[in-house]
Amino acid sequence: MKTLLYILSFAALIGLGFWAYQENYRTKQIVDETEQLQRDIASARARLGVLRAEWAYLNRPDRLRELAELNFTPLGLMPITPDQFGRSDQVDYPVQEPRRQLDIQNPIDVSTMSMEGDRP
């Protein structure tokens, strides 16, 4: 009887060791994936910072003013004056028409339909 108990204990020990070995490698794999995701996020943030800096550089007022002056004649640009702006009460909003009711010819009561989509 003692021999059977020793054999079962040894088999359980080997099984638990195998399980711990697998969990160890699974954990290492997940840690590696997490580190890769963190590197990808850092890279994306760096690219976003560069894009924001480029956007700010391209939208400098002095650069845009110079471009507007260079292309004044070909584009037919006019300087902005205060009288070009209006008030919100001057906006002519379209009148909302009432919604038209749809005529449904053959209605189906979906509350009586089964989950498989069969019709009653």
N, C-alpha and C. Protein backbone atom coordinates (compact mmCIF):
# COMPACT_ATOMS: atom_id res chain seq x y z
N MET A 1 0.81 -1.19 0.00
CA MET A 1 0.00 0.00 0.00
C MET A 1 0.87 1.26 0.00
N LYS A 2 1.97 1.21 0.79
CA LYS A 2 2.87 2.36 0.82
C LYS A 2 3.48 2.60 -0.55
N THR A 3 3.79 1.57 -1.27
CA THR A 3 4.39 1.71 -2.59
C THR A 3 3.44 2.42 -3.54
N LEU A 4 2.17 2.06 -3.50
CA LEU A 4 1.17 2.71 -4.35
C LEU A 4 1.06 4.19 -3.99
N LEU A 5 1.10 4.50 -2.69
CA LEU A 5 1.03 5.90 -2.26
C LEU A 5 2.26 6.67 -2.74
N TYR A 6 3.43 6.07 -2.67
CA TYR A 6 4.65 6.72 -3.15
C TYR A 6 4.60 6.94 -4.67
N ILE A 7 4.10 5.97 -5.39
CA ILE A 7 4.01 6.10 -6.86
C ILE A 7 3.03 7.20 -7.24
N LEU A 8 1.88 7.23 -6.57
CA LEU A 8 0.89 8.29 -6.86
C LEU A 8 1.42 9.67 -6.48
N SER A 9 2.12 9.75 -5.36
CA SER A 9 2.70 11.04 -4.95
C SER A 9 3.76 11.50 -5.95
N PHE A 10 4.59 10.56 -6.40
CA PHE A 10 5.61 10.89 -7.38
C PHE A 10 4.99 11.33 -8.71
N ALA A 11 3.93 10.63 -9.14
CA ALA A 11 3.24 11.01 -10.38
C ALA A 11 2.60 12.39 -10.24
N ALA A 12 2.01 12.68 -9.07
CA ALA A 12 1.42 14.00 -8.84
C ALA A 12 2.51 15.07 -8.86
N LEU A 13 3.66 14.76 -8.26
CA LEU A 13 4.78 15.71 -8.26
C LEU A 13 5.26 16.00 -9.67
N ILE A 14 5.38 14.97 -10.49
CA ILE A 14 5.80 15.16 -11.89
C ILE A 14 4.74 15.96 -12.66
N GLY A 15 3.46 15.64 -12.43
CA GLY A 15 2.39 16.39 -13.10
C GLY A 15 2.39 17.85 -12.72
N LEU A 16 2.56 18.15 -11.43
CA LEU A 16 2.60 19.54 -10.98
C LEU A 16 3.84 20.26 -11.51
N GLY A 17 4.95 19.57 -11.59
CA GLY A 17 6.16 20.17 -12.15
C GLY A 17 5.97 20.50 -13.62
N PHE A 18 5.34 19.60 -14.36
CA PHE A 18 5.07 19.85 -15.78
C PHE A 18 4.12 21.04 -15.94
N TRP A 19 3.08 21.10 -15.09
CA TRP A 19 2.14 22.22 -15.15
C TRP A 19 2.85 23.54 -14.84
N ALA A 20 3.71 23.56 -13.80
CA ALA A 20 4.43 24.78 -13.44
C ALA A 20 5.38 25.21 -14.56
N TYR A 21 6.01 24.24 -15.21
CA TYR A 21 6.90 24.52 -16.33
C TYR A 21 6.13 25.20 -17.46
N GLN A 22 4.94 24.67 -17.80
CA GLN A 22 4.12 25.28 -18.86
C GLN A 22 3.67 26.67 -18.48
N GLU A 23 3.24 26.85 -17.24
CA GLU A 23 2.78 28.17 -16.79
C GLU A 23 3.93 29.18 -16.82
N ASN A 24 5.12 28.73 -16.49
CA ASN A 24 6.29 29.61 -16.53
C ASN A 24 6.53 30.12 -17.94
N TYR A 25 6.51 29.24 -18.91
CA TYR A 25 6.75 29.66 -20.29
C TYR A 25 5.60 30.48 -20.84
N ARG A 26 4.38 30.16 -20.45
CA ARG A 26 3.23 30.96 -20.88
C ARG A 26 3.33 32.37 -20.31
N THR A 27 3.75 32.48 -19.05
CA THR A 27 3.91 33.80 -18.43
C THR A 27 5.01 34.59 -19.11
N LYS A 28 6.13 33.94 -19.43
CA LYS A 28 7.22 34.64 -20.13
C LYS A 28 6.76 35.13 -21.49
N GLN A 29 5.95 34.33 -22.19
CA GLN A 29 5.45 34.74 -23.49
C GLN A 29 4.54 35.96 -23.37
N ILE A 30 3.67 35.97 -22.38
CA ILE A 30 2.77 37.11 -22.18
C ILE A 30 3.55 38.35 -21.80
N VAL A 31 4.58 38.20 -20.96
CA VAL A 31 5.42 39.35 -20.59
C VAL A 31 6.12 39.90 -21.83
N ASP A 32 6.64 39.03 -22.68
CA ASP A 32 7.29 39.47 -23.92
C ASP A 32 6.31 40.22 -24.83
N GLU A 33 5.09 39.70 -24.96
CA GLU A 33 4.07 40.38 -25.78
C GLU A 33 3.73 41.74 -25.21
N THR A 34 3.62 41.83 -23.88
CA THR A 34 3.33 43.10 -23.23
C THR A 34 4.44 44.11 -23.46
N GLU A 35 5.69 43.67 -23.35
CA GLU A 35 6.81 44.57 -23.60
C GLU A 35 6.83 45.04 -25.05
N GLN A 36 6.50 44.15 -25.99
CA GLN A 36 6.43 44.55 -27.41
C GLN A 36 5.33 45.58 -27.62
N LEU A 37 4.18 45.38 -26.98
CA LEU A 37 3.10 46.37 -27.08
C LEU A 37 3.51 47.71 -26.50
N GLN A 38 4.24 47.69 -25.39
CA GLN A 38 4.71 48.94 -24.79
C GLN A 38 5.68 49.65 -25.73
N ARG A 39 6.55 48.90 -26.40
CA ARG A 39 7.47 49.51 -27.37
C ARG A 39 6.70 50.09 -28.55
N ASP A 40 5.67 49.37 -29.02
CA ASP A 40 4.86 49.88 -30.12
C ASP A 40 4.13 51.16 -29.74
N ILE A 41 3.62 51.20 -28.52
CA ILE A 41 2.93 52.41 -28.04
C ILE A 41 3.91 53.58 -27.95
N ALA A 42 5.10 53.33 -27.43
CA ALA A 42 6.10 54.40 -27.34
C ALA A 42 6.49 54.90 -28.72
N SER A 43 6.62 53.99 -29.68
CA SER A 43 6.96 54.39 -31.05
C SER A 43 5.83 55.22 -31.66
N ALA A 44 4.59 54.79 -31.44
CA ALA A 44 3.45 55.54 -31.97
C ALA A 44 3.36 56.93 -31.35
N ARG A 45 3.64 57.03 -30.05
CA ARG A 45 3.62 58.34 -29.40
C ARG A 45 4.72 59.25 -29.95
N ALA A 46 5.88 58.68 -30.22
CA ALA A 46 6.97 59.47 -30.80
C ALA A 46 6.59 59.97 -32.20
N ARG A 47 6.00 59.07 -33.00
CA ARG A 47 5.55 59.49 -34.34
C ARG A 47 4.48 60.58 -34.24
N LEU A 48 3.57 60.44 -33.28
CA LEU A 48 2.52 61.44 -33.10
C LEU A 48 3.12 62.79 -32.71
N GLY A 49 4.14 62.76 -31.86
CA GLY A 49 4.81 64.01 -31.49
C GLY A 49 5.46 64.68 -32.68
N VAL A 50 6.09 63.89 -33.55
CA VAL A 50 6.72 64.43 -34.76
C VAL A 50 5.65 65.02 -35.68
N LEU A 51 4.53 64.30 -35.84
CA LEU A 51 3.46 64.81 -36.71
C LEU A 51 2.86 66.10 -36.17
N ARG A 52 2.70 66.18 -34.85
CA ARG A 52 2.18 67.42 -34.27
C ARG A 52 3.15 68.58 -34.47
N ALA A 53 4.44 68.30 -34.34
CA ALA A 53 5.45 69.35 -34.56
C ALA A 53 5.43 69.80 -36.03
N GLU A 54 5.32 68.85 -36.96
CA GLU A 54 5.25 69.22 -38.37
C GLU A 54 4.00 70.04 -38.66
N TRP A 55 2.88 69.64 -38.06
CA TRP A 55 1.62 70.38 -38.28
C TRP A 55 1.76 71.81 -37.75
N ALA A 56 2.34 71.96 -36.57
CA ALA A 56 2.54 73.30 -36.02
C ALA A 56 3.49 74.12 -36.89
N TYR A 57 4.52 73.47 -37.43
CA TYR A 57 5.47 74.17 -38.28
C TYR A 57 4.80 74.63 -39.57
N LEU A 58 3.98 73.76 -40.16
CA LEU A 58 3.33 74.12 -41.43
C LEU A 58 2.22 75.14 -41.25
N ASN A 59 1.64 75.24 -40.07
CA ASN A 59 0.54 76.18 -39.83
C ASN A 59 0.97 77.46 -39.13
N ARG A 60 2.24 77.81 -39.25
CA ARG A 60 2.70 79.07 -38.67
C ARG A 60 2.02 80.22 -39.39
N PRO A 61 1.53 81.21 -38.65
CA PRO A 61 0.83 82.34 -39.30
C PRO A 61 1.69 83.09 -40.31
N ASP A 62 2.98 83.28 -40.01
CA ASP A 62 3.82 84.02 -40.96
C ASP A 62 4.01 83.24 -42.25
N ARG A 63 4.13 81.92 -42.17
CA ARG A 63 4.25 81.08 -43.37
C ARG A 63 2.96 81.12 -44.18
N LEU A 64 1.81 81.00 -43.50
CA LEU A 64 0.53 81.02 -44.21
C LEU A 64 0.28 82.40 -44.84
N ARG A 65 0.68 83.45 -44.15
CA ARG A 65 0.52 84.79 -44.70
C ARG A 65 1.36 84.95 -45.97
N GLU A 66 2.60 84.43 -45.91
CA GLU A 66 3.49 84.49 -47.08
C GLU A 66 2.92 83.69 -48.25
N LEU A 67 2.38 82.51 -47.98
CA LEU A 67 1.76 81.70 -49.04
C LEU A 67 0.55 82.41 -49.63
N ALA A 68 -0.24 83.05 -48.77
CA ALA A 68 -1.42 83.78 -49.26
C ALA A 68 -0.99 84.94 -50.16
N GLU A 69 0.09 85.63 -49.79
CA GLU A 69 0.57 86.74 -50.61
C GLU A 69 1.12 86.24 -51.94
N LEU A 70 1.84 85.12 -51.93
CA LEU A 70 2.38 84.56 -53.17
C LEU A 70 1.27 84.12 -54.13
N ASN A 71 0.20 83.59 -53.58
CA ASN A 71 -0.88 83.05 -54.41
C ASN A 71 -2.10 83.96 -54.46
N PHE A 72 -1.91 85.23 -54.16
CA PHE A 72 -3.03 86.17 -54.11
C PHE A 72 -3.73 86.26 -55.46
N THR A 73 -3.00 86.47 -56.51
CA THR A 73 -3.60 86.64 -57.84
C THR A 73 -4.15 85.33 -58.40
N PRO A 74 -3.38 84.22 -58.39
CA PRO A 74 -3.93 82.99 -58.98
C PRO A 74 -5.18 82.47 -58.26
N LEU A 75 -5.23 82.64 -56.96
CA LEU A 75 -6.37 82.11 -56.21
C LEU A 75 -7.49 83.13 -56.05
N GLY A 76 -7.24 84.36 -56.35
CA GLY A 76 -8.24 85.40 -56.19
C GLY A 76 -8.60 85.63 -54.74
N LEU A 77 -7.62 85.62 -53.87
CA LEU A 77 -7.86 85.78 -52.45
C LEU A 77 -8.11 87.24 -52.12
N MET A 78 -8.97 87.46 -51.17
CA MET A 78 -9.25 88.81 -50.69
C MET A 78 -8.97 88.85 -49.20
N PRO A 79 -8.50 89.98 -48.70
CA PRO A 79 -8.25 90.08 -47.26
C PRO A 79 -9.57 90.00 -46.48
N ILE A 80 -9.50 89.43 -45.30
CA ILE A 80 -10.69 89.31 -44.45
C ILE A 80 -10.92 90.64 -43.76
N THR A 81 -12.17 91.07 -43.80
CA THR A 81 -12.56 92.31 -43.12
C THR A 81 -13.65 91.98 -42.10
N PRO A 82 -13.82 92.84 -41.09
CA PRO A 82 -14.82 92.55 -40.04
C PRO A 82 -16.25 92.49 -40.56
N ASP A 83 -16.55 93.24 -41.64
CA ASP A 83 -17.93 93.22 -42.12
C ASP A 83 -18.28 91.93 -42.86
N GLN A 84 -17.31 91.01 -43.06
CA GLN A 84 -17.59 89.73 -43.70
C GLN A 84 -18.20 88.73 -42.72
N PHE A 85 -18.15 89.02 -41.45
CA PHE A 85 -18.71 88.13 -40.45
C PHE A 85 -20.14 88.55 -40.13
N GLY A 86 -20.99 87.57 -39.88
CA GLY A 86 -22.38 87.86 -39.55
C GLY A 86 -22.71 87.42 -38.15
N ARG A 87 -23.96 87.69 -37.78
CA ARG A 87 -24.46 87.26 -36.47
C ARG A 87 -25.27 85.98 -36.65
N SER A 88 -25.43 85.24 -35.57
CA SER A 88 -26.16 83.97 -35.66
C SER A 88 -27.64 84.18 -35.97
N ASP A 89 -28.20 85.33 -35.59
CA ASP A 89 -29.62 85.57 -35.90
C ASP A 89 -29.84 85.91 -37.37
N GLN A 90 -28.77 86.11 -38.13
CA GLN A 90 -28.89 86.38 -39.56
C GLN A 90 -28.87 85.10 -40.39
N VAL A 91 -28.59 83.97 -39.77
CA VAL A 91 -28.53 82.71 -40.49
C VAL A 91 -29.94 82.23 -40.78
N ASP A 92 -30.20 81.88 -42.04
CA ASP A 92 -31.51 81.40 -42.45
C ASP A 92 -31.50 79.87 -42.38
N TYR A 93 -32.01 79.35 -41.26
CA TYR A 93 -32.04 77.90 -41.07
C TYR A 93 -33.20 77.31 -41.87
N PRO A 94 -33.00 76.12 -42.47
CA PRO A 94 -34.10 75.50 -43.22
C PRO A 94 -35.22 75.05 -42.28
N VAL A 95 -36.43 75.11 -42.80
CA VAL A 95 -37.60 74.70 -42.02
C VAL A 95 -37.67 73.18 -42.01
N GLN A 96 -37.88 72.62 -40.84
CA GLN A 96 -37.98 71.17 -40.70
C GLN A 96 -39.37 70.73 -41.15
N GLU A 97 -39.39 69.82 -42.11
CA GLU A 97 -40.67 69.27 -42.55
C GLU A 97 -41.02 68.10 -41.65
N PRO A 98 -42.32 67.90 -41.38
CA PRO A 98 -42.69 66.75 -40.55
C PRO A 98 -42.34 65.45 -41.26
N ARG A 99 -41.99 64.45 -40.46
CA ARG A 99 -41.61 63.16 -41.03
C ARG A 99 -42.81 62.48 -41.66
N ARG A 100 -42.55 61.88 -42.80
CA ARG A 100 -43.60 61.18 -43.51
C ARG A 100 -43.74 59.77 -42.94
N GLN A 101 -44.95 59.34 -42.70
CA GLN A 101 -45.19 58.00 -42.19
C GLN A 101 -45.07 57.00 -43.34
N LEU A 102 -44.40 55.89 -43.11
CA LEU A 102 -44.24 54.86 -44.12
C LEU A 102 -45.41 53.88 -44.03
N ASP A 103 -45.93 53.50 -45.18
CA ASP A 103 -46.98 52.49 -45.22
C ASP A 103 -46.34 51.12 -45.26
N ILE A 104 -46.56 50.33 -44.22
CA ILE A 104 -46.02 48.98 -44.15
C ILE A 104 -47.12 48.03 -44.59
N GLN A 105 -46.83 47.28 -45.66
CA GLN A 105 -47.85 46.43 -46.26
C GLN A 105 -48.07 45.13 -45.49
N ASN A 106 -47.01 44.40 -45.20
CA ASN A 106 -47.11 43.10 -44.53
C ASN A 106 -46.26 43.11 -43.26
N PRO A 107 -46.78 43.65 -42.16
CA PRO A 107 -45.96 43.70 -40.95
C PRO A 107 -45.75 42.30 -40.38
N ILE A 108 -44.59 42.12 -39.74
CA ILE A 108 -44.25 40.85 -39.10
C ILE A 108 -44.06 41.12 -37.62
N ASP A 109 -44.71 40.34 -36.78
CA ASP A 109 -44.57 40.48 -35.34
C ASP A 109 -43.32 39.71 -34.92
N VAL A 110 -42.24 40.45 -34.63
CA VAL A 110 -40.97 39.80 -34.31
C VAL A 110 -40.94 39.23 -32.90
N SER A 111 -41.88 39.61 -32.05
CA SER A 111 -41.87 39.08 -30.69
C SER A 111 -42.29 37.62 -30.66
N THR A 112 -42.94 37.14 -31.71
CA THR A 112 -43.37 35.73 -31.75
C THR A 112 -42.41 34.88 -32.54
N MET A 113 -41.37 35.46 -33.12
CA MET A 113 -40.42 34.67 -33.92
C MET A 113 -39.46 33.94 -33.00
N SER A 114 -39.01 32.76 -33.43
CA SER A 114 -38.06 31.99 -32.65
C SER A 114 -36.65 32.53 -32.87
N MET A 115 -35.71 32.10 -32.08
CA MET A 115 -34.34 32.59 -32.16
C MET A 115 -33.64 32.13 -33.44
N GLU A 116 -34.06 31.03 -34.05
CA GLU A 116 -33.41 30.52 -35.26
C GLU A 116 -33.79 31.33 -36.49
N GLY A 117 -34.77 32.23 -36.35
CA GLY A 117 -35.17 33.06 -37.48
C GLY A 117 -36.32 32.46 -38.27
N ASP A 118 -36.93 31.37 -37.79
CA ASP A 118 -38.07 30.78 -38.47
C ASP A 118 -39.28 31.68 -38.31
N ARG A 119 -40.09 31.75 -39.31
CA ARG A 119 -41.31 32.53 -39.20
C ARG A 119 -42.41 31.68 -38.58
N PRO A 120 -43.30 32.29 -37.79
CA PRO A 120 -44.36 31.52 -37.14
C PRO A 120 -45.38 31.00 -38.12
